[in-house]
Amino acid sequence: MKIGVLTSGGDAPGMNAAIRAVVRTGISMGMKVVGIQRGFEGLLAAEIVDMTSHSVSDVINRGGTLLLTARSKEMMTPEGQQRAADICKILSLDALVIIGGNGSFMGGLCLSRLGVNVIGVPATIDLDVDCSDYTIGFDTAINTGMEAISKIRDTSSSHERCSIVEVMGRDTGHIALWCSLTGGAEEALIPENHSNNETITEKENTAIDIDRLIREVVENRAHGKTHNLIIVAEGIGGSTKIAKEIEKVTGIETRATILGYLQRGGNPSAIDIMHASMMGFLAVNQIRDGGRNKIIVYRDGKHSAVDLEEGLAYKRPYDSWFYDVMKTLSI
């Protein structure tokens, strides 16, 4: 058998460990493994490299992706999808392992409908592949955020400031919630709590109840808190505007810090390496055992495989319990 592996979309710590697992598991089963560079863009350009055990030596602890990644506009068109499927057939691929998030898997779904056997491995720091309880890169992103928040808190406490820290998370607030709870924050602003999907911009402040937020800061100060920490998800945004509003009304010195791509980089944590290795291993096992068009997931404490189309259609309901715990502990 011959299989291909690519990484697509935003990079996530642990992608290299997943590539390593796919390559070495495939070789151990007598398969030929080829790496596709730069995601779907590289597939369309036929940027193919033969992978050996040596190709993935000493990469397990490295961040980023050795196969590189890119976003492909052409892959969003029917013509591009057909050309990508044709290239897979020309390469005689029995299966294509896609390591990435929802956007990457949607591209994989299109290929599956054109006859390509696609196996997805969820790797995104946002934890937003709803059919899986865990996605590769999330733990490292949280640890990176927690370390940064801890240092910001030290300065905030020393200067009796209010600190606004914006973390990644475009459509979901998992990173913001975890960073809030582990960083001891007083508030977390997340997309799930703003169903109208409004955003604070530099021109307007209509997305959140800014008066409630300011009142909370003032009440915390009255109760003896010398500093406040507010975590903002990327999908809410407007951290600089929020900071200016709080300082303008309260007179409390307020600073905004945007962590941005800092959370995507760095060596993967042990948890991310473990999940990446297990998921990569199981992806190749699915191919060997005749599995077609699957996503490798982690559910209820176990790794397994679900149907690609069904997995992408599943939407995890929002549970406010995590947020409620954070608010209870912030008093």
Protein backbone atom coordinates (compact mmCIF):
# COMPACT_ATOMS: atom_id res chain seq x y z
CA MET A 1 0.00 0.00 0.00
CA LYS A 2 1.00 3.61 -0.52
CA ILE A 3 -0.21 6.45 1.67
CA GLY A 4 0.30 10.19 1.73
CA VAL A 5 0.41 12.54 4.70
CA LEU A 6 0.03 16.31 4.84
CA THR A 7 -0.49 19.07 7.38
CA SER A 8 -2.94 21.84 6.56
CA GLY A 9 -4.29 25.05 8.02
CA GLY A 10 -2.81 26.63 11.13
CA ASP A 11 0.18 24.85 12.61
CA ALA A 12 -0.16 23.25 16.04
CA PRO A 13 2.46 21.88 18.46
CA GLY A 14 2.48 18.09 18.08
CA MET A 15 1.99 17.97 14.31
CA ASN A 16 5.53 16.65 13.88
CA ALA A 17 4.86 13.88 16.38
CA ALA A 18 1.75 12.93 14.39
CA ILE A 19 3.71 12.89 11.11
CA ARG A 20 6.37 10.73 12.77
CA ALA A 21 3.73 8.26 13.99
CA VAL A 22 2.11 8.00 10.55
CA VAL A 23 5.43 7.49 8.78
CA ARG A 24 6.91 4.94 11.16
CA THR A 25 3.67 2.99 11.62
CA GLY A 26 3.20 2.82 7.86
CA ILE A 27 6.76 1.64 7.28
CA SER A 28 6.42 -0.97 10.02
CA MET A 29 3.38 -2.35 8.15
CA GLY A 30 5.22 -2.54 4.84
CA MET A 31 3.61 0.55 3.35
CA LYS A 32 5.25 3.23 1.26
CA VAL A 33 4.74 6.68 2.80
CA VAL A 34 5.06 9.98 0.95
CA GLY A 35 4.96 13.42 2.51
CA ILE A 36 3.06 16.23 0.80
CA GLN A 37 4.56 19.62 1.49
CA ARG A 38 2.57 22.83 2.09
CA GLY A 39 -0.79 21.14 2.58
CA PHE A 40 -3.36 21.18 -0.23
CA GLU A 41 -1.36 23.88 -2.00
CA GLY A 42 1.55 21.45 -2.19
CA LEU A 43 -0.73 18.61 -3.27
CA LEU A 44 -1.96 20.70 -6.20
CA ALA A 45 1.66 21.46 -7.09
CA ALA A 46 2.66 17.80 -6.61
CA GLU A 47 5.31 18.71 -4.01
CA ILE A 48 5.91 15.12 -2.92
CA VAL A 49 8.79 13.65 -0.91
CA ASP A 50 9.44 10.02 -0.03
CA MET A 51 9.42 9.51 3.73
CA THR A 52 11.69 7.15 5.65
CA SER A 53 12.20 6.48 9.34
CA HIS A 54 15.20 8.78 9.15
CA SER A 55 12.99 11.56 7.69
CA VAL A 56 11.24 11.88 11.04
CA SER A 57 14.20 11.40 13.36
CA ASP A 58 14.47 13.92 16.21
CA VAL A 59 11.22 15.73 15.33
CA ILE A 60 8.95 14.42 18.09
CA ASN A 61 9.68 17.38 20.38
CA ARG A 62 9.73 20.08 17.71
CA GLY A 63 6.94 22.60 17.21
CA GLY A 64 5.54 23.60 13.85
CA THR A 65 5.43 21.10 11.00
CA LEU A 66 8.33 19.69 9.00
CA LEU A 67 5.99 19.25 6.02
CA LEU A 68 5.09 22.96 6.15
CA THR A 69 1.55 24.23 5.81
CA ALA A 70 -0.39 26.73 3.72
CA ARG A 71 -3.93 27.75 2.86
CA SER A 72 -5.15 27.04 -0.65
CA LYS A 73 -7.79 29.16 -2.39
CA GLU A 74 -7.78 26.81 -5.36
CA MET A 75 -8.78 23.91 -3.13
CA MET A 76 -11.99 25.81 -2.33
CA THR A 77 -13.13 25.47 -5.94
CA PRO A 78 -14.66 22.37 -7.57
CA GLU A 79 -11.95 22.49 -10.22
CA GLY A 80 -9.20 22.53 -7.62
CA GLN A 81 -10.78 19.68 -5.69
CA GLN A 82 -11.05 17.56 -8.82
CA ARG A 83 -7.44 18.27 -9.74
CA ALA A 84 -6.29 17.33 -6.23
CA ALA A 85 -8.25 14.06 -6.44
CA ASP A 86 -6.74 13.33 -9.85
CA ILE A 87 -3.24 13.89 -8.46
CA CYS A 88 -3.94 11.45 -5.62
CA LYS A 89 -4.95 8.87 -8.21
CA ILE A 90 -1.90 9.56 -10.37
CA LEU A 91 0.26 9.06 -7.28
CA SER A 92 -1.57 5.76 -6.64
CA LEU A 93 -2.36 6.73 -3.06
CA ASP A 94 -4.44 4.16 -1.20
CA ALA A 95 -5.18 6.78 1.44
CA LEU A 96 -4.40 10.37 2.39
CA VAL A 97 -3.82 11.26 6.05
CA ILE A 98 -4.75 14.88 6.72
CA ILE A 99 -3.45 16.43 9.94
CA GLY A 100 -5.35 19.66 10.64
CA GLY A 101 -8.64 21.19 11.71
CA ASN A 102 -12.17 21.68 10.40
CA GLY A 103 -11.18 23.58 7.26
CA SER A 104 -8.66 20.90 6.33
CA PHE A 105 -11.20 18.15 6.95
CA MET A 106 -13.79 19.92 4.79
CA GLY A 107 -11.23 19.80 1.99
CA GLY A 108 -10.72 16.13 2.79
CA LEU A 109 -14.48 15.54 2.66
CA CYS A 110 -14.57 16.97 -0.86
CA LEU A 111 -11.74 14.63 -1.87
CA SER A 112 -13.53 11.65 -0.29
CA ARG A 113 -16.56 12.34 -2.47
CA LEU A 114 -14.24 12.14 -5.48
CA GLY A 115 -12.95 8.71 -4.51
CA VAL A 116 -9.96 9.51 -2.28
CA ASN A 117 -9.78 7.61 1.01
CA VAL A 118 -9.21 10.31 3.65
CA ILE A 119 -8.22 9.78 7.27
CA GLY A 120 -8.24 12.91 9.45
CA VAL A 121 -6.10 13.54 12.51
CA PRO A 122 -7.40 16.58 14.48
CA ALA A 123 -4.62 19.09 15.15
CA THR A 124 -5.67 22.62 16.12
CA ILE A 125 -4.93 24.64 19.23
CA ASP A 126 -8.54 25.92 19.33
CA LEU A 127 -10.03 22.51 20.33
CA ASP A 128 -12.82 23.21 17.84
CA VAL A 129 -13.19 19.84 16.08
CA ASP A 130 -16.44 19.10 17.89
CA CYS A 131 -16.49 15.36 17.31
CA SER A 132 -13.31 14.95 19.39
CA ASP A 133 -12.81 15.81 23.05
CA TYR A 134 -9.19 16.67 22.31
CA THR A 135 -7.19 18.15 19.44
CA ILE A 136 -3.41 18.11 19.08
CA GLY A 137 -1.78 21.36 20.19
CA PHE A 138 -4.38 22.49 22.73
CA ASP A 139 -2.44 21.57 25.86
CA THR A 140 0.73 23.32 24.68
CA ALA A 141 -1.24 26.45 23.77
CA ILE A 142 -2.80 26.52 27.24
CA ASN A 143 0.56 26.09 28.97
CA THR A 144 2.05 28.86 26.84
CA GLY A 145 -0.87 31.13 27.67
CA MET A 146 -0.76 30.30 31.37
CA GLU A 147 2.95 31.10 31.57
CA ALA A 148 2.45 34.46 29.86
CA ILE A 149 -0.56 35.30 32.03
CA SER A 150 1.37 34.46 35.19
CA LYS A 151 4.08 36.95 34.25
CA ILE A 152 1.54 39.61 33.31
CA ARG A 153 -0.25 39.06 36.62
CA ASP A 154 2.97 39.72 38.55
CA THR A 155 3.34 43.14 36.93
CA SER A 156 -0.39 43.86 37.18
CA SER A 157 -0.34 43.11 40.89
CA SER A 158 2.77 45.23 41.52
CA HIS A 159 1.25 48.26 39.78
CA GLU A 160 -2.35 47.63 40.91
CA ARG A 161 -3.49 47.49 37.31
CA CYS A 162 -6.30 45.89 35.41
CA SER A 163 -4.90 43.59 32.71
CA ILE A 164 -6.70 42.55 29.54
CA VAL A 165 -5.11 39.50 27.90
CA GLU A 166 -6.31 38.40 24.48
CA VAL A 167 -5.72 34.74 23.66
CA MET A 168 -6.35 32.76 20.49
CA GLY A 169 -9.73 31.21 19.68
CA ARG A 170 -11.54 32.60 16.67
CA ASP A 171 -14.86 30.78 16.93
CA THR A 172 -14.61 29.03 20.29
CA GLY A 173 -13.61 30.10 23.78
CA HIS A 174 -11.90 26.91 25.00
CA ILE A 175 -8.46 28.52 25.21
CA ALA A 176 -9.85 31.60 26.95
CA LEU A 177 -11.79 29.51 29.47
CA TRP A 178 -8.85 27.26 30.32
CA CYS A 179 -6.46 30.21 30.57
CA SER A 180 -8.97 32.04 32.78
CA LEU A 181 -9.38 29.15 35.18
CA THR A 182 -5.69 28.22 35.36
CA GLY A 183 -4.58 31.85 35.44
CA GLY A 184 -6.99 32.93 38.18
CA ALA A 185 -8.81 35.49 36.03
CA GLU A 186 -11.83 37.49 37.14
CA GLU A 187 -13.61 37.35 33.79
CA ALA A 188 -13.52 35.60 30.41
CA LEU A 189 -15.09 37.05 27.28
CA ILE A 190 -15.81 34.24 24.83
CA PRO A 191 -17.82 33.84 21.60
CA GLU A 192 -20.18 31.31 23.20
CA ASN A 193 -21.46 33.97 25.61
CA HIS A 194 -22.07 36.42 22.75
CA SER A 195 -24.47 34.60 20.46
CA ASN A 196 -24.99 37.62 18.22
CA ASN A 197 -21.35 37.25 17.18
CA GLU A 198 -20.79 40.97 17.67
CA THR A 199 -17.28 42.27 18.17
CA ILE A 200 -15.76 45.25 19.87
CA THR A 201 -13.83 47.33 17.36
CA GLU A 202 -11.74 50.46 17.67
CA LYS A 203 -14.80 52.42 16.48
CA GLU A 204 -17.56 50.97 18.64
CA ASN A 205 -18.11 49.08 21.88
CA THR A 206 -21.46 47.37 21.39
CA ALA A 207 -20.41 43.72 21.59
CA ILE A 208 -20.37 43.28 25.36
CA ASP A 209 -21.99 44.93 28.32
CA ILE A 210 -19.06 47.23 29.01
CA ASP A 211 -20.92 48.83 31.91
CA ARG A 212 -21.25 45.46 33.62
CA LEU A 213 -17.56 44.76 33.06
CA ILE A 214 -16.54 48.12 34.49
CA ARG A 215 -18.89 47.66 37.44
CA GLU A 216 -17.27 44.28 38.12
CA VAL A 217 -13.78 45.83 38.11
CA VAL A 218 -14.88 48.56 40.53
CA GLU A 219 -16.60 46.07 42.85
CA ASN A 220 -13.52 43.87 42.91
CA ARG A 221 -11.41 46.87 43.90
CA ALA A 222 -13.91 47.74 46.64
CA HIS A 223 -13.63 44.17 47.96
CA GLY A 224 -9.89 44.53 48.34
CA LYS A 225 -8.60 43.20 45.01
CA THR A 226 -5.65 45.31 43.99
CA HIS A 227 -5.63 44.04 40.40
CA ASN A 228 -8.01 42.49 37.87
CA LEU A 229 -7.33 40.03 35.07
CA ILE A 230 -9.74 39.73 32.13
CA ILE A 231 -9.18 37.13 29.40
CA VAL A 232 -10.58 37.88 25.93
CA ALA A 233 -10.94 35.32 23.17
CA GLU A 234 -9.69 36.29 19.73
CA GLY A 235 -13.23 35.87 18.39
CA ILE A 236 -14.42 38.70 20.65
CA GLY A 237 -11.39 40.92 20.10
CA GLY A 238 -11.22 44.63 20.81
CA SER A 239 -8.92 44.24 23.81
CA THR A 240 -7.30 47.66 23.35
CA LYS A 241 -10.71 49.33 23.19
CA ILE A 242 -11.86 47.50 26.33
CA ALA A 243 -8.74 48.60 28.21
CA LYS A 244 -9.25 52.24 27.19
CA GLU A 245 -12.88 52.21 28.28
CA ILE A 246 -12.11 50.72 31.68
CA GLU A 247 -9.31 53.20 32.36
CA LYS A 248 -11.39 56.13 31.12
CA VAL A 249 -14.33 55.40 33.43
CA THR A 250 -12.55 54.03 36.52
CA GLY A 251 -9.21 55.81 36.47
CA ILE A 252 -7.57 52.42 37.07
CA GLU A 253 -4.49 51.92 34.93
CA THR A 254 -5.42 49.24 32.38
CA ARG A 255 -3.21 47.52 29.84
CA ALA A 256 -4.04 45.16 26.98
CA THR A 257 -1.74 42.33 25.85
CA ILE A 258 -2.45 40.23 22.74
CA LEU A 259 -0.65 36.87 22.83
CA GLY A 260 -1.47 36.00 19.22
CA TYR A 261 0.70 33.46 17.42
CA LEU A 262 2.86 33.03 20.52
CA GLN A 263 0.41 30.28 21.50
CA ARG A 264 0.90 28.34 18.27
CA GLY A 265 4.62 27.84 18.65
CA GLY A 266 6.92 26.05 21.04
CA ASN A 267 7.83 22.47 21.80
CA PRO A 268 4.73 20.28 22.29
CA SER A 269 3.83 19.13 25.78
CA ALA A 270 3.94 15.47 26.78
CA ILE A 271 0.14 15.31 26.49
CA ASP A 272 0.21 16.64 22.93
CA ILE A 273 2.99 14.24 21.93
CA MET A 274 1.03 11.34 23.40
CA HIS A 275 -2.21 12.17 21.59
CA ALA A 276 -0.37 12.92 18.34
CA SER A 277 1.48 9.60 18.49
CA MET A 278 -1.63 7.59 19.30
CA MET A 279 -3.76 9.31 16.66
CA GLY A 280 -1.10 8.93 13.96
CA PHE A 281 -0.69 5.26 14.84
CA LEU A 282 -4.45 4.63 14.73
CA ALA A 283 -4.84 6.50 11.44
CA VAL A 284 -2.53 4.02 9.70
CA ASN A 285 -4.21 1.09 11.45
CA GLN A 286 -7.53 2.28 10.02
CA ILE A 287 -6.03 2.24 6.53
CA ARG A 288 -4.57 -1.24 7.00
CA ASP A 289 -7.88 -2.57 8.30
CA GLY A 290 -9.90 -1.19 5.39
CA GLY A 291 -11.31 1.90 7.11
CA ARG A 292 -12.47 4.58 4.73
CA ASN A 293 -13.03 8.28 5.30
CA LYS A 294 -12.60 8.54 9.06
CA ILE A 295 -11.55 11.06 11.70
CA ILE A 296 -9.44 9.75 14.56
CA VAL A 297 -10.96 11.14 17.76
CA TYR A 298 -10.52 11.10 21.51
CA ARG A 299 -13.84 10.53 23.29
CA ASP A 300 -14.68 9.54 26.83
CA GLY A 301 -11.04 8.76 27.57
CA LYS A 302 -10.48 6.56 24.52
CA HIS A 303 -9.09 6.98 21.01
CA SER A 304 -11.34 5.74 18.22
CA ALA A 305 -12.50 6.55 14.68
CA VAL A 306 -15.72 8.17 13.48
CA ASP A 307 -17.15 8.67 10.00
CA LEU A 308 -15.65 11.76 8.35
CA GLU A 309 -18.93 13.28 7.19
CA GLU A 310 -20.78 12.50 10.42
CA GLY A 311 -17.92 13.83 12.49
CA LEU A 312 -17.88 17.15 10.66
CA ALA A 313 -21.65 17.48 10.95
CA TYR A 314 -21.60 17.05 14.73
CA LYS A 315 -21.84 20.26 16.77
CA ARG A 316 -20.89 20.07 20.43
CA PRO A 317 -23.42 22.01 22.54
CA TYR A 318 -22.02 24.79 24.70
CA ASP A 319 -21.99 23.98 28.41
CA SER A 320 -21.55 27.00 30.68
CA TRP A 321 -20.38 24.84 33.58
CA PHE A 322 -16.67 25.57 33.00
CA TYR A 323 -17.35 29.31 32.90
CA ASP A 324 -19.48 29.10 36.04
CA VAL A 325 -16.67 27.34 37.91
CA MET A 326 -14.20 30.04 36.86
CA LYS A 327 -16.55 32.81 38.03
CA THR A 328 -17.17 31.09 41.36
CA LEU A 329 -13.45 30.80 42.04
CA SER A 330 -12.78 34.41 41.02
CA ILE A 331 -14.68 36.04 43.90
